[in-house]
PDB file of N, CA and C in Angstrom:
ATOM      1  N   MET A   1      79.582  71.238 110.618  1.00  0.00           N
ATOM      2  CA  MET A   1      78.533  70.355 111.096  1.00  0.00           C
ATOM      3  C   MET A   1      77.226  71.147 111.128  1.00  0.00           C
ATOM      4  N   SER A   2      76.194  70.511 110.603  1.00  0.00           N
ATOM      5  CA  SER A   2      74.877  71.109 110.582  1.00  0.00           C
ATOM      6  C   SER A   2      74.072  70.546 111.767  1.00  0.00           C
ATOM      7  N   ILE A   3      73.278  71.423 112.372  1.00  0.00           N
ATOM      8  CA  ILE A   3      72.478  70.975 113.502  1.00  0.00           C
ATOM      9  C   ILE A   3      71.029  71.372 113.230  1.00  0.00           C
ATOM     10  N   ASN A   4      70.113  70.529 113.661  1.00  0.00           N
ATOM     11  CA  ASN A   4      68.705  70.850 113.477  1.00  0.00           C
ATOM     12  C   ASN A   4      68.138  71.439 114.755  1.00  0.00           C
ATOM     13  N   LEU A   5      66.927  71.926 114.637  1.00  0.00           N
ATOM     14  CA  LEU A   5      66.298  72.604 115.805  1.00  0.00           C
ATOM     15  C   LEU A   5      66.121  71.652 116.971  1.00  0.00           C
ATOM     16  N   GLU A   6      65.723  70.436 116.720  1.00  0.00           N
ATOM     17  CA  GLU A   6      65.519  69.467 117.804  1.00  0.00           C
ATOM     18  C   GLU A   6      66.809  69.272 118.607  1.00  0.00           C
ATOM     19  N   GLU A   7      67.924  69.136 117.918  1.00  0.00           N
ATOM     20  CA  GLU A   7      69.199  68.956 118.578  1.00  0.00           C
ATOM     21  C   GLU A   7      69.587  70.217 119.381  1.00  0.00           C
ATOM     22  N   ALA A   8      69.301  71.378 118.803  1.00  0.00           N
ATOM     23  CA  ALA A   8      69.578  72.647 119.486  1.00  0.00           C
ATOM     24  C   ALA A   8      68.793  72.754 120.781  1.00  0.00           C
ATOM     25  N   ILE A   9      67.509  72.375 120.717  1.00  0.00           N
ATOM     26  CA  ILE A   9      66.658  72.447 121.916  1.00  0.00           C
ATOM     27  C   ILE A   9      67.135  71.477 122.965  1.00  0.00           C
ATOM     28  N   LYS A  10      67.625  70.296 122.547  1.00  0.00           N
ATOM     29  CA  LYS A  10      68.166  69.347 123.512  1.00  0.00           C
ATOM     30  C   LYS A  10      69.379  69.954 124.250  1.00  0.00           C
ATOM     31  N   LEU A  11      70.202  70.670 123.521  1.00  0.00           N
ATOM     32  CA  LEU A  11      71.333  71.360 124.159  1.00  0.00           C
ATOM     33  C   LEU A  11      70.834  72.372 125.186  1.00  0.00           C
ATOM     34  N   HIS A  12      69.806  73.110 124.784  1.00  0.00           N
ATOM     35  CA  HIS A  12      69.215  74.143 125.652  1.00  0.00           C
ATOM     36  C   HIS A  12      68.710  73.512 126.955  1.00  0.00           C
ATOM     37  N   TRP A  13      67.910  72.459 126.839  1.00  0.00           N
ATOM     38  CA  TRP A  13      67.310  71.838 128.048  1.00  0.00           C
ATOM     39  C   TRP A  13      68.358  71.098 128.858  1.00  0.00           C
ATOM     40  N   ALA A  14      69.499  70.776 128.259  1.00  0.00           N
ATOM     41  CA  ALA A  14      70.595  70.129 128.997  1.00  0.00           C
ATOM     42  C   ALA A  14      71.426  71.174 129.741  1.00  0.00           C
ATOM     43  N   GLY A  15      71.072  72.441 129.605  1.00  0.00           N
ATOM     44  CA  GLY A  15      71.817  73.496 130.284  1.00  0.00           C
ATOM     45  C   GLY A  15      73.066  73.936 129.536  1.00  0.00           C
ATOM     46  N   ARG A  16      73.205  73.526 128.325  1.00  0.00           N
ATOM     47  CA  ARG A  16      74.375  73.904 127.518  1.00  0.00           C
ATOM     48  C   ARG A  16      74.003  75.128 126.694  1.00  0.00           C
ATOM     49  N   PHE A  17      73.841  76.244 127.427  1.00  0.00           N
ATOM     50  CA  PHE A  17      73.234  77.449 126.828  1.00  0.00           C
ATOM     51  C   PHE A  17      74.101  78.081 125.736  1.00  0.00           C
ATOM     52  N   ALA A  18      75.407  78.119 125.913  1.00  0.00           N
ATOM     53  CA  ALA A  18      76.274  78.710 124.875  1.00  0.00           C
ATOM     54  C   ALA A  18      76.188  77.872 123.606  1.00  0.00           C
ATOM     55  N   ALA A  19      76.211  76.541 123.769  1.00  0.00           N
ATOM     56  CA  ALA A  19      76.134  75.661 122.599  1.00  0.00           C
ATOM     57  C   ALA A  19      74.768  75.802 121.926  1.00  0.00           C
ATOM     58  N   ALA A  20      73.730  75.911 122.729  1.00  0.00           N
ATOM     59  CA  ALA A  20      72.370  76.066 122.186  1.00  0.00           C
ATOM     60  C   ALA A  20      72.269  77.384 121.415  1.00  0.00           C
ATOM     61  N   GLU A  21      72.796  78.455 121.979  1.00  0.00           N
ATOM     62  CA  GLU A  21      72.745  79.748 121.276  1.00  0.00           C
ATOM     63  C   GLU A  21      73.502  79.657 119.960  1.00  0.00           C
ATOM     64  N   SER A  22      74.644  79.050 119.968  1.00  0.00           N
ATOM     65  CA  SER A  22      75.417  78.881 118.737  1.00  0.00           C
ATOM     66  C   SER A  22      74.604  78.094 117.713  1.00  0.00           C
ATOM     67  N   ALA A  23      73.945  77.053 118.171  1.00  0.00           N
ATOM     68  CA  ALA A  23      73.119  76.241 117.268  1.00  0.00           C
ATOM     69  C   ALA A  23      71.940  77.036 116.708  1.00  0.00           C
ATOM     70  N   TYR A  24      71.261  77.797 117.572  1.00  0.00           N
ATOM     71  CA  TYR A  24      70.151  78.607 117.073  1.00  0.00           C
ATOM     72  C   TYR A  24      70.608  79.608 116.034  1.00  0.00           C
ATOM     73  N   ARG A  25      71.738  80.237 116.326  1.00  0.00           N
ATOM     74  CA  ARG A  25      72.279  81.231 115.372  1.00  0.00           C
ATOM     75  C   ARG A  25      72.697  80.594 114.065  1.00  0.00           C
ATOM     76  N   SER A  26      73.247  79.385 114.146  1.00  0.00           N
ATOM     77  CA  SER A  26      73.618  78.650 112.931  1.00  0.00           C
ATOM     78  C   SER A  26      72.358  78.348 112.099  1.00  0.00           C
ATOM     79  N   ILE A  27      71.318  77.896 112.754  1.00  0.00           N
ATOM     80  CA  ILE A  27      70.048  77.611 112.053  1.00  0.00           C
ATOM     81  C   ILE A  27      69.519  78.882 111.409  1.00  0.00           C
ATOM     82  N   LEU A  28      69.566  79.995 112.159  1.00  0.00           N
ATOM     83  CA  LEU A  28      69.014  81.268 111.631  1.00  0.00           C
ATOM     84  C   LEU A  28      69.864  81.814 110.491  1.00  0.00           C
ATOM     85  N   SER A  29      71.152  81.497 110.469  1.00  0.00           N
ATOM     86  CA  SER A  29      71.984  81.961 109.369  1.00  0.00           C
ATOM     87  C   SER A  29      71.582  81.295 108.066  1.00  0.00           C
ATOM     88  N   ILE A  30      71.056  80.099 108.175  1.00  0.00           N
ATOM     89  CA  ILE A  30      70.609  79.357 106.975  1.00  0.00           C
ATOM     90  C   ILE A  30      69.116  79.623 106.689  1.00  0.00           C
ATOM     91  N   GLU A  31      68.359  79.712 107.762  1.00  0.00           N
ATOM     92  CA  GLU A  31      66.902  79.873 107.647  1.00  0.00           C
ATOM     93  C   GLU A  31      66.452  80.986 108.603  1.00  0.00           C
ATOM     94  N   PRO A  32      66.580  82.258 108.166  1.00  0.00           N
ATOM     95  CA  PRO A  32      66.288  83.394 109.056  1.00  0.00           C
ATOM     96  C   PRO A  32      64.859  83.441 109.578  1.00  0.00           C
ATOM     97  N   GLN A  33      63.950  82.750 108.894  1.00  0.00           N
ATOM     98  CA  GLN A  33      62.547  82.758 109.301  1.00  0.00           C
ATOM     99  C   GLN A  33      62.181  81.520 110.112  1.00  0.00           C
ATOM    100  N   ASN A  34      63.132  80.889 110.740  1.00  0.00           N
ATOM    101  CA  ASN A  34      62.852  79.700 111.552  1.00  0.00           C
ATOM    102  C   ASN A  34      62.256  80.167 112.899  1.00  0.00           C
ATOM    103  N   SER A  35      60.922  80.027 112.992  1.00  0.00           N
ATOM    104  CA  SER A  35      60.236  80.553 114.178  1.00  0.00           C
ATOM    105  C   SER A  35      60.689  79.882 115.465  1.00  0.00           C
ATOM    106  N   GLY A  36      60.993  78.574 115.385  1.00  0.00           N
ATOM    107  CA  GLY A  36      61.454  77.866 116.599  1.00  0.00           C
ATOM    108  C   GLY A  36      62.778  78.353 117.113  1.00  0.00           C
ATOM    109  N   ALA A  37      63.712  78.562 116.205  1.00  0.00           N
ATOM    110  CA  ALA A  37      65.032  79.067 116.604  1.00  0.00           C
ATOM    111  C   ALA A  37      64.913  80.462 117.196  1.00  0.00           C
ATOM    112  N   LEU A  38      64.073  81.304 116.616  1.00  0.00           N
ATOM    113  CA  LEU A  38      63.828  82.636 117.166  1.00  0.00           C
ATOM    114  C   LEU A  38      63.199  82.553 118.544  1.00  0.00           C
ATOM    115  N   GLN A  39      62.236  81.651 118.691  1.00  0.00           N
ATOM    116  CA  GLN A  39      61.556  81.499 119.984  1.00  0.00           C
ATOM    117  C   GLN A  39      62.518  81.071 121.074  1.00  0.00           C
ATOM    118  N   TYR A  40      63.318  80.056 120.803  1.00  0.00           N
ATOM    119  CA  TYR A  40      64.220  79.552 121.844  1.00  0.00           C
ATOM    120  C   TYR A  40      65.399  80.471 122.098  1.00  0.00           C
ATOM    121  N   LEU A  41      65.818  81.207 121.087  1.00  0.00           N
ATOM    122  CA  LEU A  41      66.806  82.232 121.316  1.00  0.00           C
ATOM    123  C   LEU A  41      66.231  83.323 122.235  1.00  0.00           C
ATOM    124  N   GLY A  42      64.942  83.613 122.054  1.00  0.00           N
ATOM    125  CA  GLY A  42      64.237  84.523 122.951  1.00  0.00           C
ATOM    126  C   GLY A  42      64.227  84.025 124.367  1.00  0.00           C
ATOM    127  N   LEU A  43      64.042  82.706 124.534  1.00  0.00           N
ATOM    128  CA  LEU A  43      64.077  82.131 125.882  1.00  0.00           C
ATOM    129  C   LEU A  43      65.454  82.289 126.533  1.00  0.00           C
ATOM    130  N   LEU A  44      66.517  82.149 125.730  1.00  0.00           N
ATOM    131  CA  LEU A  44      67.857  82.379 126.278  1.00  0.00           C
ATOM    132  C   LEU A  44      68.006  83.825 126.754  1.00  0.00           C
ATOM    133  N   ARG A  45      67.490  84.768 125.958  1.00  0.00           N
ATOM    134  CA  ARG A  45      67.564  86.174 126.369  1.00  0.00           C
ATOM    135  C   ARG A  45      66.771  86.410 127.648  1.00  0.00           C
ATOM    136  N   ALA A  46      65.606  85.781 127.780  1.00  0.00           N
ATOM    137  CA  ALA A  46      64.818  85.915 129.000  1.00  0.00           C
ATOM    138  C   ALA A  46      65.556  85.328 130.186  1.00  0.00           C
ATOM    139  N   ARG A  47      66.192  84.203 129.982  1.00  0.00           N
ATOM    140  CA  ARG A  47      66.941  83.553 131.052  1.00  0.00           C
ATOM    141  C   ARG A  47      68.037  84.487 131.578  1.00  0.00           C
ATOM    142  N   GLU A  48      68.594  85.302 130.712  1.00  0.00           N
ATOM    143  CA  GLU A  48      69.650  86.274 131.081  1.00  0.00           C
ATOM    144  C   GLU A  48      69.054  87.539 131.717  1.00  0.00           C
ATOM    145  N   GLY A  49      67.734  87.647 131.649  1.00  0.00           N
ATOM    146  CA  GLY A  49      67.074  88.864 132.145  1.00  0.00           C
ATOM    147  C   GLY A  49      67.041  89.978 131.125  1.00  0.00           C
ATOM    148  N   ASN A  50      67.379  89.673 129.888  1.00  0.00           N
ATOM    149  CA  ASN A  50      67.315  90.672 128.785  1.00  0.00           C
ATOM    150  C   ASN A  50      65.911  90.607 128.194  1.00  0.00           C
ATOM    151  N   TRP A  51      64.965  91.167 128.939  1.00  0.00           N
ATOM    152  CA  TRP A  51      63.543  91.044 128.626  1.00  0.00           C
ATOM    153  C   TRP A  51      63.172  91.704 127.313  1.00  0.00           C
ATOM    154  N   ASN A  52      63.742  92.856 127.003  1.00  0.00           N
ATOM    155  CA  ASN A  52      63.407  93.545 125.751  1.00  0.00           C
ATOM    156  C   ASN A  52      63.853  92.713 124.537  1.00  0.00           C
ATOM    157  N   ALA A  53      65.052  92.171 124.582  1.00  0.00           N
ATOM    158  CA  ALA A  53      65.522  91.329 123.486  1.00  0.00           C
ATOM    159  C   ALA A  53      64.660  90.057 123.395  1.00  0.00           C
ATOM    160  N   ALA A  54      64.279  89.493 124.530  1.00  0.00           N
ATOM    161  CA  ALA A  54      63.404  88.319 124.550  1.00  0.00           C
ATOM    162  C   ALA A  54      62.080  88.647 123.859  1.00  0.00           C
ATOM    163  N   ALA A  55      61.484  89.781 124.222  1.00  0.00           N
ATOM    164  CA  ALA A  55      60.213  90.178 123.615  1.00  0.00           C
ATOM    165  C   ALA A  55      60.342  90.360 122.111  1.00  0.00           C
ATOM    166  N   GLU A  56      61.415  90.973 121.688  1.00  0.00           N
ATOM    167  CA  GLU A  56      61.608  91.201 120.255  1.00  0.00           C
ATOM    168  C   GLU A  56      61.724  89.861 119.511  1.00  0.00           C
ATOM    169  N   LEU A  57      62.478  88.950 120.029  1.00  0.00           N
ATOM    170  CA  LEU A  57      62.660  87.626 119.388  1.00  0.00           C
ATOM    171  C   LEU A  57      61.351  86.831 119.371  1.00  0.00           C
ATOM    172  N   LEU A  58      60.614  86.881 120.474  1.00  0.00           N
ATOM    173  CA  LEU A  58      59.321  86.172 120.513  1.00  0.00           C
ATOM    174  C   LEU A  58      58.321  86.801 119.573  1.00  0.00           C
ATOM    175  N   ASP A  59      58.353  88.123 119.455  1.00  0.00           N
ATOM    176  CA  ASP A  59      57.460  88.789 118.512  1.00  0.00           C
ATOM    177  C   ASP A  59      57.800  88.367 117.076  1.00  0.00           C
ATOM    178  N   LYS A  60      59.096  88.287 116.757  1.00  0.00           N
ATOM    179  CA  LYS A  60      59.496  87.828 115.407  1.00  0.00           C
ATOM    180  C   LYS A  60      59.026  86.404 115.174  1.00  0.00           C
ATOM    181  N   SER A  61      59.188  85.553 116.165  1.00  0.00           N
ATOM    182  CA  SER A  61      58.764  84.165 116.037  1.00  0.00           C
ATOM    183  C   SER A  61      57.258  84.074 115.805  1.00  0.00           C
ATOM    184  N   LEU A  62      56.502  84.853 116.548  1.00  0.00           N
ATOM    185  CA  LEU A  62      55.055  84.807 116.447  1.00  0.00           C
ATOM    186  C   LEU A  62      54.541  85.465 115.132  1.00  0.00           C
ATOM    187  N   ALA A  63      55.325  86.387 114.598  1.00  0.00           N
ATOM    188  CA  ALA A  63      54.937  86.957 113.301  1.00  0.00           C
ATOM    189  C   ALA A  63      55.009  85.882 112.202  1.00  0.00           C
ATOM    190  N   ILE A  64      55.924  84.951 112.379  1.00  0.00           N
ATOM    191  CA  ILE A  64      56.100  83.853 111.425  1.00  0.00           C
ATOM    192  C   ILE A  64      55.095  82.744 111.687  1.00  0.00           C
ATOM    193  N   ASN A  65      54.912  82.412 112.963  1.00  0.00           N
ATOM    194  CA  ASN A  65      54.034  81.299 113.361  1.00  0.00           C
ATOM    195  C   ASN A  65      53.089  81.814 114.449  1.00  0.00           C
ATOM    196  N   PRO A  66      52.015  82.514 114.065  1.00  0.00           N
ATOM    197  CA  PRO A  66      51.111  83.110 115.052  1.00  0.00           C
ATOM    198  C   PRO A  66      50.298  82.108 115.884  1.00  0.00           C
ATOM    199  N   ASN A  67      50.323  80.836 115.512  1.00  0.00           N
ATOM    200  CA  ASN A  67      49.580  79.823 116.255  1.00  0.00           C
ATOM    201  C   ASN A  67      50.386  79.043 117.260  1.00  0.00           C
ATOM    202  N   ALA A  68      51.583  79.504 117.550  1.00  0.00           N
ATOM    203  CA  ALA A  68      52.486  78.812 118.495  1.00  0.00           C
ATOM    204  C   ALA A  68      52.092  79.158 119.928  1.00  0.00           C
ATOM    205  N   ALA A  69      51.274  78.294 120.534  1.00  0.00           N
ATOM    206  CA  ALA A  69      50.757  78.537 121.866  1.00  0.00           C
ATOM    207  C   ALA A  69      51.915  78.726 122.870  1.00  0.00           C
ATOM    208  N   GLU A  70      52.952  77.883 122.791  1.00  0.00           N
ATOM    209  CA  GLU A  70      54.071  77.974 123.739  1.00  0.00           C
ATOM    210  C   GLU A  70      54.757  79.329 123.644  1.00  0.00           C
ATOM    211  N   ALA A  71      54.926  79.836 122.436  1.00  0.00           N
ATOM    212  CA  ALA A  71      55.579  81.141 122.266  1.00  0.00           C
ATOM    213  C   ALA A  71      54.686  82.265 122.843  1.00  0.00           C
ATOM    214  N   HIS A  72      53.391  82.157 122.666  1.00  0.00           N
ATOM    215  CA  HIS A  72      52.488  83.148 123.270  1.00  0.00           C
ATOM    216  C   HIS A  72      52.602  83.121 124.793  1.00  0.00           C
ATOM    217  N   PHE A  73      52.657  81.920 125.354  1.00  0.00           N
ATOM    218  CA  PHE A  73      52.800  81.777 126.820  1.00  0.00           C
ATOM    219  C   PHE A  73      54.085  82.410 127.285  1.00  0.00           C
ATOM    220  N   GLN A  74      55.183  82.087 126.595  1.00  0.00           N
ATOM    221  CA  GLN A  74      56.496  82.648 126.954  1.00  0.00           C
ATOM    222  C   GLN A  74      56.498  84.181 126.798  1.00  0.00           C
ATOM    223  N   ARG A  75      55.841  84.661 125.787  1.00  0.00           N
ATOM    224  CA  ARG A  75      55.718  86.111 125.625  1.00  0.00           C
ATOM    225  C   ARG A  75      54.959  86.727 126.791  1.00  0.00           C
ATOM    226  N   GLY A  76      53.962  86.035 127.306  1.00  0.00           N
ATOM    227  CA  GLY A  76      53.229  86.516 128.468  1.00  0.00           C
ATOM    228  C   GLY A  76      54.157  86.687 129.659  1.00  0.00           C
ATOM    229  N   ILE A  77      54.991  85.688 129.917  1.00  0.00           N
ATOM    230  CA  ILE A  77      55.968  85.764 131.001  1.00  0.00           C
ATOM    231  C   ILE A  77      56.898  86.958 130.837  1.00  0.00           C
ATOM    232  N   VAL A  78      57.357  87.166 129.599  1.00  0.00           N
ATOM    233  CA  VAL A  78      58.260  88.276 129.309  1.00  0.00           C
ATOM    234  C   VAL A  78      57.546  89.615 129.579  1.00  0.00           C
ATOM    235  N   HIS A  79      56.317  89.725 129.141  1.00  0.00           N
ATOM    236  CA  HIS A  79      55.561  90.972 129.366  1.00  0.00           C
ATOM    237  C   HIS A  79      55.316  91.210 130.875  1.00  0.00           C
ATOM    238  N   GLU A  80      55.088  90.158 131.623  1.00  0.00           N
ATOM    239  CA  GLU A  80      54.970  90.316 133.068  1.00  0.00           C
ATOM    240  C   GLU A  80      56.259  90.895 133.629  1.00  0.00           C
ATOM    241  N   ALA A  81      57.391  90.331 133.207  1.00  0.00           N
ATOM    242  CA  ALA A  81      58.692  90.821 133.711  1.00  0.00           C
ATOM    243  C   ALA A  81      58.925  92.254 133.298  1.00  0.00           C
ATOM    244  N   LEU A  82      58.378  92.670 132.176  1.00  0.00           N
ATOM    245  CA  LEU A  82      58.524  94.069 131.722  1.00  0.00           C
ATOM    246  C   LEU A  82      57.506  95.008 132.360  1.00  0.00           C
ATOM    247  N   GLY A  83      56.640  94.456 133.231  1.00  0.00           N
ATOM    248  CA  GLY A  83      55.622  95.319 133.875  1.00  0.00           C
ATOM    249  C   GLY A  83      54.501  95.706 132.978  1.00  0.00           C
ATOM    250  N   ARG A  84      54.146  94.817 132.041  1.00  0.00           N
ATOM    251  CA  ARG A  84      53.069  95.088 131.072  1.00  0.00           C
ATOM    252  C   ARG A  84      51.957  94.070 131.260  1.00  0.00           C
ATOM    253  N   PRO A  85      51.184  94.184 132.342  1.00  0.00           N
ATOM    254  CA  PRO A  85      50.180  93.168 132.629  1.00  0.00           C
ATOM    255  C   PRO A  85      49.124  92.995 131.566  1.00  0.00           C
ATOM    256  N   ALA A  86      48.699  94.055 130.909  1.00  0.00           N
ATOM    257  CA  ALA A  86      47.679  93.924 129.871  1.00  0.00           C
ATOM    258  C   ALA A  86      48.221  93.129 128.685  1.00  0.00           C
ATOM    259  N   ASP A  87      49.468  93.408 128.312  1.00  0.00           N
ATOM    260  CA  ASP A  87      50.052  92.645 127.212  1.00  0.00           C
ATOM    261  C   ASP A  87      50.279  91.201 127.602  1.00  0.00           C
ATOM    262  N   ALA A  88      50.638  90.985 128.873  1.00  0.00           N
ATOM    263  CA  ALA A  88      50.817  89.616 129.356  1.00  0.00           C
ATOM    264  C   ALA A  88      49.488  88.861 129.283  1.00  0.00           C
ATOM    265  N   ALA A  89      48.427  89.479 129.740  1.00  0.00           N
ATOM    266  CA  ALA A  89      47.106  88.826 129.714  1.00  0.00           C
ATOM    267  C   ALA A  89      46.680  88.497 128.275  1.00  0.00           C
ATOM    268  N   GLU A  90      46.973  89.407 127.385  1.00  0.00           N
ATOM    269  CA  GLU A  90      46.637  89.178 125.945  1.00  0.00           C
ATOM    270  C   GLU A  90      47.436  87.961 125.421  1.00  0.00           C
ATOM    271  N   SER A  91      48.706  87.896 125.780  1.00  0.00           N
ATOM    272  CA  SER A  91      49.535  86.762 125.344  1.00  0.00           C
ATOM    273  C   SER A  91      49.056  85.455 125.925  1.00  0.00           C
ATOM    274  N   TYR A  92      48.704  85.461 127.201  1.00  0.00           N
ATOM    275  CA  TYR A  92      48.194  84.230 127.818  1.00  0.00           C
ATOM    276  C   TYR A  92      46.867  83.811 127.182  1.00  0.00           C
ATOM    277  N   GLY A  93      46.044  84.787 126.857  1.00  0.00           N
ATOM    278  CA  GLY A  93      44.787  84.479 126.182  1.00  0.00           C
ATOM    279  C   GLY A  93      45.042  83.872 124.810  1.00  0.00           C
ATOM    280  N   ALA A  94      46.005  84.399 124.085  1.00  0.00           N
ATOM    281  CA  ALA A  94      46.350  83.854 122.775  1.00  0.00           C
ATOM    282  C   ALA A  94      46.880  82.424 122.905  1.00  0.00           C
ATOM    283  N   ALA A  95      47.593  82.180 123.971  1.00  0.00           N
ATOM    284  CA  ALA A  95      48.138  80.832 124.214  1.00  0.00           C
ATOM    285  C   ALA A  95      46.994  79.843 124.435  1.00  0.00           C
ATOM    286  N   LEU A  96      45.972  80.259 125.110  1.00  0.00           N
ATOM    287  CA  LEU A  96      44.844  79.385 125.388  1.00  0.00           C
ATOM    288  C   LEU A  96      43.958  79.150 124.145  1.00  0.00           C
ATOM    289  N   ASP A  97      43.919  80.165 123.287  1.00  0.00           N
ATOM    290  CA  ASP A  97      43.146  80.022 122.053  1.00  0.00           C
ATOM    291  C   ASP A  97      43.741  78.961 121.204  1.00  0.00           C
TER     292      ASP A  97
END
Protein backbone atom coordinates (compact mmCIF):
# COMPACT_ATOMS: atom_id res chain seq x y z
CA MET A 1 0.00 0.00 0.00
CA SER A 2 1.27 3.41 -0.96
CA ILE A 3 0.60 6.39 1.27
CA ASN A 4 0.92 10.05 0.47
CA LEU A 5 2.21 12.82 2.70
CA GLU A 6 -1.24 14.19 3.50
CA GLU A 7 -2.37 10.78 4.79
CA ALA A 8 0.85 10.41 6.79
CA ILE A 9 0.32 13.81 8.44
CA LYS A 10 -3.25 12.84 9.32
CA LEU A 11 -1.87 9.79 11.13
CA HIS A 12 0.61 12.05 12.93
CA TRP A 13 -2.03 14.52 14.13
CA ALA A 14 -4.30 11.64 15.15
CA GLY A 15 -1.58 10.54 17.58
CA ARG A 16 -0.72 7.42 15.61
CA PHE A 17 2.98 8.19 15.80
CA ALA A 18 4.39 4.76 14.92
CA ALA A 19 2.13 4.55 11.86
CA ALA A 20 3.06 8.10 10.87
CA GLU A 21 6.77 7.34 11.19
CA SER A 22 6.36 4.24 9.07
CA ALA A 23 4.50 6.29 6.47
CA TYR A 24 7.15 9.04 6.42
CA ARG A 25 9.89 6.45 6.01
CA SER A 26 7.95 4.76 3.22
CA ILE A 27 7.61 8.09 1.42
CA LEU A 28 11.32 8.81 1.89
CA SER A 29 12.29 5.38 0.55
CA ILE A 30 10.63 6.36 -2.72
CA GLU A 31 11.35 10.07 -2.65
CA PRO A 32 14.38 10.80 -0.42
CA GLN A 33 14.13 14.53 -1.09
CA ASN A 34 10.56 14.89 0.18
CA SER A 35 10.93 17.95 2.38
CA GLY A 36 7.56 17.45 4.07
CA ALA A 37 8.30 13.88 5.12
CA LEU A 38 11.69 14.99 6.47
CA GLN A 39 10.07 17.89 8.34
CA TYR A 40 7.40 15.80 10.00
CA LEU A 41 9.81 13.00 10.82
CA GLY A 42 11.83 15.74 12.52
CA LEU A 43 8.75 16.67 14.53
CA LEU A 44 8.45 13.08 15.70
CA ARG A 45 12.07 13.16 16.86
CA ALA A 46 11.40 16.43 18.71
CA ARG A 47 8.34 14.91 20.35
CA GLU A 48 10.61 12.17 21.70
CA GLY A 49 13.08 14.76 22.96
CA ASN A 50 15.71 13.70 20.41
CA TRP A 51 16.54 17.31 19.63
CA ASN A 52 19.74 16.70 17.65
CA ALA A 53 18.02 14.27 15.28
CA ALA A 54 15.10 16.71 14.98
CA ALA A 55 17.49 19.53 14.06
CA GLU A 56 19.24 17.38 11.47
CA LEU A 57 15.96 16.37 9.80
CA LEU A 58 14.63 19.92 9.79
CA ASP A 59 17.91 21.16 8.33
CA LYS A 60 17.62 18.57 5.54
CA SER A 61 14.03 19.61 4.91
CA LEU A 62 14.96 23.29 4.74
CA ALA A 63 17.89 22.59 2.42
CA ILE A 64 15.33 21.22 -0.03
CA ASN A 65 12.60 23.79 0.63
CA PRO A 66 14.16 26.91 2.19
CA ASN A 67 10.87 28.85 2.04
CA ALA A 68 8.95 26.54 4.39
CA ALA A 69 7.94 28.95 7.16
CA GLU A 70 6.52 26.19 9.37
CA ALA A 71 9.78 24.23 9.22
CA HIS A 72 11.77 27.35 10.15
CA PHE A 73 9.44 27.90 13.13
CA GLN A 74 9.81 24.27 14.22
CA ARG A 75 13.58 24.56 13.84
CA GLY A 76 13.45 27.57 16.16
CA ILE A 77 11.70 25.50 18.83
CA VAL A 78 14.32 22.77 18.44
CA HIS A 79 17.17 25.27 18.77
CA GLU A 80 15.59 26.68 21.92
CA ALA A 81 15.46 23.17 23.37
CA LEU A 82 19.13 22.71 22.45
CA GLY A 83 20.04 25.95 24.29
CA ARG A 84 20.91 27.85 21.11
CA PRO A 85 18.96 31.10 21.44
CA ALA A 86 20.75 32.91 18.60
CA ASP A 87 20.01 30.07 16.18
CA ALA A 88 16.42 29.96 17.44
CA ALA A 89 16.00 33.70 16.83
CA GLU A 90 17.43 33.30 13.32
CA SER A 91 14.97 30.48 12.59
CA TYR A 92 12.02 32.46 13.92
CA GLY A 93 13.10 35.42 11.79
CA ALA A 94 13.26 33.19 8.71
CA ALA A 95 9.77 31.92 9.51
CA LEU A 96 8.46 35.47 9.55
CA ASP A 97 10.17 36.36 6.29
